[in-house]
Amino acid sequence: MKAYFNQYTLIFKRPGGTSRGVLRTKPTYFIYLEKDGFTTVGECNLFKGLSADDTDDYENKLQQVCDAINRGEKVKWEDLRAYPSIQFGLEQAQLSLKNKSQEILFTSDFTKSQRGIKINGLIWMGSLDFMVQQVKEKLENQFSCIKIKIGTNWEEEKLVLKDLRKQFSKEVLELRVDANGAFSFEESRLILKELADLDIHSIEQPIKQGNWDEMAKLCRETPVPIALDEELIGIFEMDRKKELINHIKPQYIILKPALIGGFKGSQEWINLVEKENIGWWITSALESNIGLNAIAQFTATLDNQMPQGLGTGSLFTNNIESRLEVRGEKLWFKS
């Protein structure tokens, strides 16, 4: 078997605003496995500034993995726990090789084009007019769940949420917000009350990751369900995962396979939180269509009826062609 990798830079159609800054490009890596004349590819989606494996030796590690495969050695998932995006990419390439298909990794009604996956519409930060414009587009496309990134200008963002709630009840439109850790503990306590008044479904990561005691207190007192997102990044071992969940006791967790060890890493978290009656959903992390296709197929096998966060394939000018298609509020695998 032969293995090699390359880097690829995705270019946004329009800049994407988050509380961490404005994104114009997004680098990613592809790892290739070649055997008996068949080549497969997996996406090692390194997210600069966010991934736990965003280190100076990342490309060296990728090369070491390829060199080991080229020597005929078996690279174990467990040995790559500190490199979740490489785990993710290698899982994809290996599944493709096993199935002798680059397109089908997990067979389900989704890959048979018989069922779509309900997704949320994502609203990026920006001016009030820009955010309102995005909301209108999502509503025109019949989305019943919208996620709005907040944390840059809360007063303006609150106006958007208030306007939406005036027009649509929580039974008609589910509203989620994502703070990306933008608020302080004291700010969060006030904002959570305001979000409750607006019948918000949930808030992702209100404060910065790593503040377990403060996050636990927020989760105990909150009138709005809290979902852990960035908090899961860099938590590699099962004992540490259990410690996090038992300490914070969140209402939800959000799984980004590229940031938490791929499909196997995601399944570890799911098995853990379901025992505690904690909810979860899966979200992409600005992958190309290679990674998004893999995440969508994995998600379809789990039969989670909540809206998932998988609609990012149309963000880039130079994305890879795929059979994924958003129709209405569902992601479909075209026949």
Protein backbone atom coordinates (compact mmCIF):
# COMPACT_ATOMS: atom_id res chain seq x y z
CA MET A 1 0.00 0.00 0.00
CA LYS A 2 1.16 3.53 -0.79
CA ALA A 3 0.26 6.60 1.28
CA TYR A 4 0.84 10.31 0.72
CA PHE A 5 -0.78 13.67 1.54
CA ASN A 6 -1.13 17.22 0.30
CA GLN A 7 -2.51 20.53 1.54
CA TYR A 8 -5.49 22.28 -0.04
CA THR A 9 -6.74 25.82 0.63
CA LEU A 10 -10.49 26.39 0.52
CA ILE A 11 -11.60 29.91 -0.44
CA PHE A 12 -14.78 31.41 1.01
CA LYS A 13 -17.31 32.87 -1.41
CA ARG A 14 -17.79 35.65 1.12
CA PRO A 15 -15.96 36.16 4.42
CA GLY A 16 -17.42 34.22 7.35
CA GLY A 17 -17.67 36.17 10.60
CA THR A 18 -17.27 34.51 14.00
CA SER A 19 -16.38 35.80 17.46
CA ARG A 20 -12.84 34.53 16.74
CA GLY A 21 -12.49 36.73 13.66
CA VAL A 22 -13.36 36.79 9.96
CA LEU A 23 -12.49 33.74 7.83
CA ARG A 24 -11.53 34.22 4.19
CA THR A 25 -9.62 31.00 3.52
CA LYS A 26 -9.52 27.61 5.20
CA PRO A 27 -6.53 25.26 4.79
CA THR A 28 -7.12 21.53 4.97
CA TYR A 29 -5.18 18.34 4.21
CA PHE A 30 -5.96 15.25 2.14
CA ILE A 31 -4.42 11.86 2.85
CA TYR A 32 -4.37 9.27 0.05
CA LEU A 33 -4.15 5.47 0.24
CA GLU A 34 -3.32 3.53 -2.93
CA LYS A 35 -3.67 -0.26 -3.21
CA ASP A 36 -4.07 -2.59 -6.20
CA GLY A 37 -4.59 0.35 -8.53
CA PHE A 38 -7.38 1.90 -6.41
CA THR A 39 -6.77 5.27 -4.71
CA THR A 40 -8.88 6.65 -1.87
CA VAL A 41 -8.76 9.99 -0.11
CA GLY A 42 -9.67 11.18 3.38
CA GLU A 43 -9.74 14.74 4.70
CA CYS A 44 -7.54 15.57 7.68
CA ASN A 45 -9.40 18.73 8.52
CA LEU A 46 -6.95 20.77 10.57
CA PHE A 47 -8.71 23.90 11.86
CA LYS A 48 -6.05 26.54 12.49
CA GLY A 49 -6.33 28.13 15.92
CA LEU A 50 -8.95 25.64 17.08
CA SER A 51 -7.79 22.05 16.51
CA ALA A 52 -5.91 20.44 19.38
CA ASP A 53 -3.42 19.13 16.83
CA ASP A 54 -2.65 22.56 15.36
CA THR A 55 1.06 22.21 16.10
CA ASP A 56 4.30 23.08 14.31
CA ASP A 57 5.01 19.40 13.68
CA TYR A 58 1.63 18.61 12.08
CA GLU A 59 2.93 18.00 8.55
CA ASN A 60 5.84 15.99 9.98
CA LYS A 61 3.33 13.79 11.80
CA LEU A 62 1.32 13.31 8.62
CA GLN A 63 4.52 12.33 6.83
CA GLN A 64 5.42 9.89 9.61
CA VAL A 65 2.00 8.24 9.27
CA CYS A 66 2.44 7.94 5.50
CA ASP A 67 5.99 6.59 5.91
CA ALA A 68 4.78 3.94 8.37
CA ILE A 69 2.04 2.82 5.98
CA ASN A 70 4.54 2.73 3.11
CA ARG A 71 6.75 0.44 5.21
CA GLY A 72 3.83 -1.94 5.61
CA GLU A 73 3.18 -1.05 9.26
CA LYS A 74 -0.31 -0.87 10.72
CA VAL A 75 -1.11 2.61 12.01
CA LYS A 76 -3.46 2.29 14.99
CA TRP A 77 -6.21 4.80 15.75
CA GLU A 78 -5.27 4.73 19.44
CA ASP A 79 -1.72 5.86 18.67
CA LEU A 80 -3.07 9.03 17.02
CA ARG A 81 -5.26 10.30 19.88
CA ALA A 82 -3.26 13.55 20.04
CA TYR A 83 -3.97 14.08 16.31
CA PRO A 84 -7.78 13.86 15.95
CA SER A 85 -7.89 15.34 12.45
CA ILE A 86 -5.46 12.68 11.20
CA GLN A 87 -7.59 10.00 12.86
CA PHE A 88 -10.56 11.46 10.99
CA GLY A 89 -8.84 11.50 7.59
CA LEU A 90 -7.34 8.05 7.95
CA GLU A 91 -10.70 6.56 8.97
CA GLN A 92 -12.27 7.93 5.77
CA ALA A 93 -9.52 6.66 3.47
CA GLN A 94 -9.52 3.23 5.11
CA LEU A 95 -13.31 2.89 4.88
CA SER A 96 -13.22 3.90 1.22
CA LEU A 97 -10.52 1.31 0.58
CA LYS A 98 -12.50 -1.37 2.41
CA ASN A 99 -15.68 -0.55 0.46
CA LYS A 100 -13.81 -0.06 -2.84
CA SER A 101 -15.70 3.22 -3.18
CA GLN A 102 -14.65 6.82 -2.73
CA GLU A 103 -18.26 7.97 -2.44
CA ILE A 104 -19.88 5.39 -0.12
CA LEU A 105 -18.38 4.96 3.35
CA PHE A 106 -21.53 4.01 5.28
CA THR A 107 -24.53 2.43 3.55
CA SER A 108 -27.93 3.72 4.67
CA ASP A 109 -31.20 5.10 3.32
CA PHE A 110 -29.30 8.39 3.02
CA THR A 111 -26.71 6.99 0.58
CA LYS A 112 -29.55 5.24 -1.27
CA SER A 113 -31.08 8.73 -1.78
CA GLN A 114 -34.22 7.62 0.06
CA ARG A 115 -33.91 9.92 3.07
CA GLY A 116 -32.43 13.35 3.74
CA ILE A 117 -30.83 14.65 6.95
CA LYS A 118 -32.56 17.62 8.56
CA ILE A 119 -30.04 20.42 9.13
CA ASN A 120 -29.99 23.87 10.71
CA GLY A 121 -29.51 27.01 8.65
CA LEU A 122 -26.31 28.79 9.71
CA ILE A 123 -26.26 32.59 10.06
CA TRP A 124 -22.81 34.21 10.05
CA MET A 125 -21.91 37.30 12.04
CA GLY A 126 -21.83 40.67 10.33
CA SER A 127 -23.82 43.88 10.16
CA LEU A 128 -27.46 43.81 11.22
CA ASP A 129 -28.57 44.10 7.58
CA PHE A 130 -26.28 41.24 6.53
CA MET A 131 -27.58 38.95 9.27
CA VAL A 132 -31.21 39.80 8.47
CA GLN A 133 -30.54 39.09 4.77
CA GLN A 134 -29.15 35.64 5.63
CA VAL A 135 -32.13 34.88 7.85
CA LYS A 136 -34.55 35.78 5.04
CA GLU A 137 -32.71 33.45 2.67
CA LYS A 138 -32.95 30.56 5.13
CA LEU A 139 -36.64 31.16 5.78
CA GLU A 140 -37.34 31.32 2.05
CA ASN A 141 -35.66 27.90 1.79
CA GLN A 142 -38.09 26.59 4.43
CA PHE A 143 -35.62 26.06 7.28
CA SER A 144 -37.40 25.40 10.59
CA CYS A 145 -34.16 25.54 12.64
CA ILE A 146 -31.69 28.42 12.43
CA LYS A 147 -28.37 28.79 14.22
CA ILE A 148 -27.03 32.30 14.69
CA LYS A 149 -23.44 33.03 15.65
CA ILE A 150 -23.31 35.64 18.41
CA GLY A 151 -20.68 37.39 20.48
CA THR A 152 -19.51 40.30 18.35
CA ASN A 153 -22.31 42.80 19.08
CA TRP A 154 -24.87 41.24 21.39
CA GLU A 155 -27.29 44.18 21.30
CA GLU A 156 -27.58 43.99 17.50
CA GLU A 157 -27.68 40.21 17.53
CA LYS A 158 -30.46 40.34 20.12
CA LEU A 159 -32.51 42.57 17.78
CA VAL A 160 -32.34 39.88 15.08
CA LEU A 161 -33.50 37.22 17.54
CA LYS A 162 -36.31 39.44 18.90
CA ASP A 163 -37.55 40.18 15.40
CA LEU A 164 -37.56 36.51 14.49
CA ARG A 165 -39.40 35.52 17.63
CA LYS A 166 -42.06 38.19 17.01
CA GLN A 167 -42.75 36.62 13.63
CA PHE A 168 -42.34 32.94 14.49
CA SER A 169 -43.15 31.01 17.66
CA LYS A 170 -40.76 28.38 19.01
CA GLU A 171 -43.13 25.71 17.64
CA VAL A 172 -42.61 27.07 14.11
CA LEU A 173 -38.95 28.14 14.25
CA GLU A 174 -36.23 26.64 16.44
CA LEU A 175 -33.52 29.17 17.25
CA ARG A 176 -30.04 28.12 18.35
CA VAL A 177 -27.16 30.46 19.11
CA ASP A 178 -23.41 29.83 19.10
CA ALA A 179 -21.18 32.09 21.19
CA ASN A 180 -17.83 30.34 20.50
CA GLY A 181 -16.81 31.24 24.08
CA ALA A 182 -17.24 34.98 23.50
CA PHE A 183 -18.79 35.95 26.84
CA SER A 184 -17.53 36.20 30.39
CA PHE A 185 -19.17 34.21 33.18
CA GLU A 186 -21.10 37.24 34.48
CA GLU A 187 -22.17 38.32 30.98
CA SER A 188 -23.39 34.80 30.30
CA ARG A 189 -25.67 34.74 33.34
CA LEU A 190 -27.47 37.86 32.11
CA ILE A 191 -27.56 36.77 28.46
CA LEU A 192 -28.97 33.34 29.36
CA LYS A 193 -31.97 35.06 30.97
CA GLU A 194 -32.50 37.20 27.86
CA LEU A 195 -32.26 34.12 25.66
CA ALA A 196 -34.86 32.34 27.80
CA ASP A 197 -37.28 35.22 27.25
CA LEU A 198 -36.84 34.65 23.51
CA ASP A 199 -37.50 30.88 23.72
CA ILE A 200 -34.03 30.02 22.42
CA HIS A 201 -33.46 26.27 22.00
CA SER A 202 -29.83 26.27 23.18
CA ILE A 203 -26.56 28.17 23.33
CA GLU A 204 -23.24 26.67 22.31
CA GLN A 205 -20.17 27.37 24.44
CA PRO A 206 -21.15 30.64 26.17
CA ILE A 207 -17.74 30.99 27.90
CA LYS A 208 -14.23 29.97 26.91
CA GLN A 209 -13.32 26.29 27.15
CA GLY A 210 -11.31 25.08 30.12
CA ASN A 211 -13.33 26.89 32.80
CA TRP A 212 -15.01 23.75 34.09
CA ASP A 213 -16.21 25.12 37.43
CA GLU A 214 -17.84 28.19 35.89
CA MET A 215 -19.37 26.16 33.06
CA ALA A 216 -20.74 23.64 35.56
CA LYS A 217 -22.37 26.46 37.54
CA LEU A 218 -23.91 27.91 34.39
CA CYS A 219 -25.29 24.49 33.40
CA ARG A 220 -26.80 24.01 36.87
CA GLU A 221 -28.51 27.42 36.90
CA THR A 222 -29.29 28.10 33.25
CA PRO A 223 -32.85 28.71 32.02
CA VAL A 224 -31.64 27.81 28.49
CA PRO A 225 -29.96 24.51 27.60
CA ILE A 226 -26.17 24.78 27.18
CA ALA A 227 -24.26 22.77 24.60
CA LEU A 228 -20.55 22.06 24.96
CA ASP A 229 -18.61 22.50 21.73
CA GLU A 230 -15.00 23.69 21.99
CA GLU A 231 -14.99 22.21 25.50
CA LEU A 232 -14.58 18.74 23.97
CA ILE A 233 -11.49 19.66 21.96
CA GLY A 234 -8.23 18.28 23.36
CA ILE A 235 -9.97 15.81 25.68
CA PHE A 236 -8.44 12.61 24.33
CA GLU A 237 -8.65 9.85 26.94
CA MET A 238 -11.87 8.16 28.11
CA ASP A 239 -11.20 8.85 31.80
CA ARG A 240 -10.84 12.55 31.04
CA LYS A 241 -14.02 12.54 28.93
CA LYS A 242 -15.96 10.98 31.80
CA GLU A 243 -14.49 13.53 34.21
CA LEU A 244 -15.58 16.42 31.98
CA ILE A 245 -19.16 15.19 31.59
CA ASN A 246 -19.56 14.29 35.27
CA HIS A 247 -18.17 17.65 36.38
CA ILE A 248 -20.04 20.00 34.03
CA LYS A 249 -23.24 17.99 33.36
CA PRO A 250 -24.24 19.91 30.22
CA GLN A 251 -27.65 19.66 28.58
CA TYR A 252 -26.09 18.87 25.17
CA ILE A 253 -22.75 18.22 23.52
CA ILE A 254 -21.87 19.02 19.91
CA LEU A 255 -19.67 16.62 18.00
CA LYS A 256 -17.25 17.79 15.32
CA PRO A 257 -15.57 14.58 14.12
CA ALA A 258 -12.50 16.32 12.68
CA LEU A 259 -11.79 17.91 16.07
CA ILE A 260 -12.52 14.98 18.37
CA GLY A 261 -11.06 11.89 16.70
CA GLY A 262 -13.31 11.09 13.77
CA PHE A 263 -16.10 8.54 13.88
CA LYS A 264 -14.65 6.42 16.65
CA GLY A 265 -13.96 9.48 18.80
CA SER A 266 -17.50 10.74 18.22
CA GLN A 267 -18.97 7.37 19.14
CA GLU A 268 -17.03 7.39 22.42
CA TRP A 269 -18.66 10.70 23.39
CA ILE A 270 -22.13 9.51 22.28
CA ASN A 271 -21.91 6.31 24.31
CA LEU A 272 -20.79 8.30 27.33
CA VAL A 273 -23.46 11.04 27.29
CA GLU A 274 -26.39 8.81 26.40
CA LYS A 275 -25.86 6.97 29.70
CA GLU A 276 -26.34 10.36 31.42
CA ASN A 277 -29.41 11.34 29.33
CA ILE A 278 -27.46 14.20 27.74
CA GLY A 279 -28.44 15.14 24.19
CA TRP A 280 -26.09 15.54 21.23
CA TRP A 281 -25.90 16.46 17.59
CA ILE A 282 -23.19 16.48 14.95
CA THR A 283 -21.70 19.51 13.23
CA SER A 284 -19.18 19.89 10.43
CA ALA A 285 -16.18 22.16 10.91
CA LEU A 286 -15.67 23.84 7.52
CA GLU A 287 -14.50 20.68 5.76
CA SER A 288 -14.45 20.37 2.01
CA ASN A 289 -17.11 18.12 0.52
CA ILE A 290 -14.75 15.16 1.05
CA GLY A 291 -15.01 15.44 4.83
CA LEU A 292 -18.61 16.68 4.80
CA ASN A 293 -19.71 13.68 2.74
CA ALA A 294 -18.08 11.34 5.27
CA ILE A 295 -19.63 13.12 8.28
CA ALA A 296 -23.09 13.16 6.69
CA GLN A 297 -22.97 9.43 5.95
CA PHE A 298 -21.81 8.65 9.48
CA THR A 299 -24.55 10.89 10.94
CA ALA A 300 -27.22 9.14 8.88
CA THR A 301 -26.37 5.79 10.49
CA LEU A 302 -27.01 7.20 13.98
CA ASP A 303 -30.66 8.12 13.33
CA ASN A 304 -30.64 11.28 15.46
CA GLN A 305 -33.85 13.18 14.62
CA MET A 306 -32.58 16.60 15.76
CA PRO A 307 -31.44 19.08 13.09
CA GLN A 308 -27.73 18.53 12.47
CA GLY A 309 -25.11 21.16 11.57
CA LEU A 310 -24.04 19.85 8.16
CA GLY A 311 -24.83 22.55 5.63
CA THR A 312 -21.42 24.11 4.89
CA GLY A 313 -20.66 22.59 1.48
CA SER A 314 -21.73 25.68 -0.46
CA LEU A 315 -19.46 28.14 1.35
CA PHE A 316 -16.39 27.77 -0.88
CA THR A 317 -15.55 28.80 -4.43
CA ASN A 318 -13.22 25.84 -5.01
CA ASN A 319 -14.92 22.99 -3.18
CA ILE A 320 -14.59 19.40 -4.38
CA GLU A 321 -17.49 18.10 -6.44
CA SER A 322 -19.79 15.73 -4.58
CA ARG A 323 -23.24 14.17 -4.60
CA LEU A 324 -24.35 16.20 -1.59
CA GLU A 325 -27.20 18.62 -2.19
CA VAL A 326 -29.22 20.83 0.15
CA ARG A 327 -32.92 20.80 -0.75
CA GLY A 328 -35.12 22.80 1.57
CA GLU A 329 -33.92 22.14 5.10
CA LYS A 330 -32.45 18.72 4.35
CA LEU A 331 -29.11 17.45 3.10
CA TRP A 332 -29.48 14.79 0.41
CA PHE A 333 -27.14 12.35 -1.31
CA LYS A 334 -28.04 12.60 -4.98
CA SER A 335 -28.76 9.39 -6.86
